C-alpha atoms as a PDB file:
ATOM      1  CA  MET A   1       5.938 -38.858 -62.557  1.00  0.00           C
ATOM      2  CA  LYS A   2       8.285 -41.243 -64.665  1.00  0.00           C
ATOM      3  CA  VAL A   3       9.970 -44.301 -63.302  1.00  0.00           C
ATOM      4  CA  ASN A   4      13.287 -43.689 -62.270  1.00  0.00           C
ATOM      5  CA  MET A   5      13.902 -46.638 -59.866  1.00  0.00           C
ATOM      6  CA  GLY A   6      15.289 -49.928 -61.369  1.00  0.00           C
ATOM      7  CA  GLY A   7      14.155 -53.338 -59.635  1.00  0.00           C
ATOM      8  CA  ALA A   8      17.465 -53.747 -57.518  1.00  0.00           C
ATOM      9  CA  ASP A   9      17.482 -50.254 -56.446  1.00  0.00           C
ATOM     10  CA  ARG A  10      13.810 -50.880 -54.953  1.00  0.00           C
ATOM     11  CA  ILE A  11      14.854 -54.242 -53.357  1.00  0.00           C
ATOM     12  CA  ILE A  12      17.439 -52.757 -51.571  1.00  0.00           C
ATOM     13  CA  ARG A  13      15.163 -50.167 -50.375  1.00  0.00           C
ATOM     14  CA  ILE A  14      12.352 -52.173 -49.358  1.00  0.00           C
ATOM     15  CA  LEU A  15      15.177 -54.351 -47.277  1.00  0.00           C
ATOM     16  CA  ILE A  16      16.673 -51.280 -45.197  1.00  0.00           C
ATOM     17  CA  ALA A  17      12.801 -50.330 -44.315  1.00  0.00           C
ATOM     18  CA  ALA A  18      12.286 -53.848 -43.067  1.00  0.00           C
ATOM     19  CA  VAL A  19      15.410 -53.853 -40.783  1.00  0.00           C
ATOM     20  CA  VAL A  20      14.596 -50.360 -39.692  1.00  0.00           C
ATOM     21  CA  ALA A  21      11.250 -50.985 -38.545  1.00  0.00           C
ATOM     22  CA  TYR A  22      12.301 -54.865 -37.215  1.00  0.00           C
ATOM     23  CA  LEU A  23      14.909 -52.796 -35.041  1.00  0.00           C
ATOM     24  CA  TYR A  24      12.596 -50.237 -33.824  1.00  0.00           C
ATOM     25  CA  TYR A  25       9.567 -52.609 -32.550  1.00  0.00           C
ATOM     26  CA  ASP A  26      12.493 -54.564 -31.046  1.00  0.00           C
ATOM     27  CA  GLY A  27      13.472 -51.764 -28.926  1.00  0.00           C
ATOM     28  CA  ILE A  28      17.145 -51.731 -30.597  1.00  0.00           C
ATOM     29  CA  ILE A  29      16.874 -48.358 -31.850  1.00  0.00           C
ATOM     30  CA  SER A  30      14.573 -45.785 -29.908  1.00  0.00           C
ATOM     31  CA  GLY A  31      13.965 -42.192 -29.245  1.00  0.00           C
ATOM     32  CA  THR A  32      14.370 -39.379 -31.705  1.00  0.00           C
ATOM     33  CA  LEU A  33      16.676 -41.379 -33.435  1.00  0.00           C
ATOM     34  CA  GLY A  34      14.370 -44.207 -33.729  1.00  0.00           C
ATOM     35  CA  ILE A  35      11.730 -42.439 -35.029  1.00  0.00           C
ATOM     36  CA  VAL A  36      13.845 -40.397 -37.697  1.00  0.00           C
ATOM     37  CA  LEU A  37      14.844 -43.548 -39.030  1.00  0.00           C
ATOM     38  CA  LEU A  38      11.295 -44.949 -38.948  1.00  0.00           C
ATOM     39  CA  VAL A  39      10.314 -41.878 -40.774  1.00  0.00           C
ATOM     40  CA  LEU A  40      13.205 -42.555 -43.412  1.00  0.00           C
ATOM     41  CA  ALA A  41      12.001 -46.174 -43.533  1.00  0.00           C
ATOM     42  CA  GLY A  42       8.700 -45.151 -44.623  1.00  0.00           C
ATOM     43  CA  VAL A  43       9.964 -42.722 -47.303  1.00  0.00           C
ATOM     44  CA  PHE A  44      12.190 -45.640 -48.628  1.00  0.00           C
ATOM     45  CA  LEU A  45       9.139 -47.827 -48.617  1.00  0.00           C
ATOM     46  CA  LEU A  46       6.593 -45.582 -50.442  1.00  0.00           C
ATOM     47  CA  THR A  47       9.379 -44.628 -53.226  1.00  0.00           C
ATOM     48  CA  SER A  48      10.153 -47.983 -54.135  1.00  0.00           C
ATOM     49  CA  ILE A  49       6.349 -48.825 -54.140  1.00  0.00           C
ATOM     50  CA  VAL A  50       5.841 -45.764 -56.565  1.00  0.00           C
ATOM     51  CA  SER A  51       9.388 -46.444 -58.355  1.00  0.00           C
ATOM     52  CA  PHE A  52      10.051 -42.714 -58.041  1.00  0.00           C
ATOM     53  CA  CYS A  53      12.835 -40.932 -56.573  1.00  0.00           C
ATOM     54  CA  PRO A  54      12.686 -37.059 -56.190  1.00  0.00           C
ATOM     55  CA  LEU A  55      16.393 -36.851 -55.203  1.00  0.00           C
ATOM     56  CA  TYR A  56      17.123 -38.973 -58.386  1.00  0.00           C
ATOM     57  CA  THR A  57      15.519 -36.122 -60.438  1.00  0.00           C
ATOM     58  CA  ILE A  58      17.316 -33.601 -59.014  1.00  0.00           C
ATOM     59  CA  PHE A  59      20.753 -35.451 -59.617  1.00  0.00           C
ATOM     60  CA  GLY A  60      19.682 -36.630 -62.854  1.00  0.00           C
ATOM     61  CA  ILE A  61      20.108 -39.884 -61.885  1.00  0.00           C
ATOM     62  CA  LYS A  62      18.073 -42.913 -63.256  1.00  0.00           C
ATOM     63  CA  THR A  63      18.659 -46.523 -62.227  1.00  0.00           C
ATOM     64  CA  CYS A  64      15.650 -48.638 -64.275  1.00  0.00           C
ATOM     65  CA  LYS A  65      16.141 -49.879 -67.773  1.00  0.00           C
ATOM     66  CA  THR A  66      13.515 -47.780 -69.826  1.00  0.00           C
ATOM     67  CA  SER A  67      14.278 -45.564 -72.426  1.00  0.00           C
END
């Protein structure tokens, strides 16, 4: 896996994951929608940790500055 995510992209994904987790555990979002959003937040967190997004590879997007 080559790195294809930049720093700003990683920070945005981590913030979105944190907000969704807070909303779920505070009870603001619940049910099926809450679980789906929590799983999506987990995917965002995982992809930001490894700096690789499979969808970016499919669409040819690269947000990092490495050559």
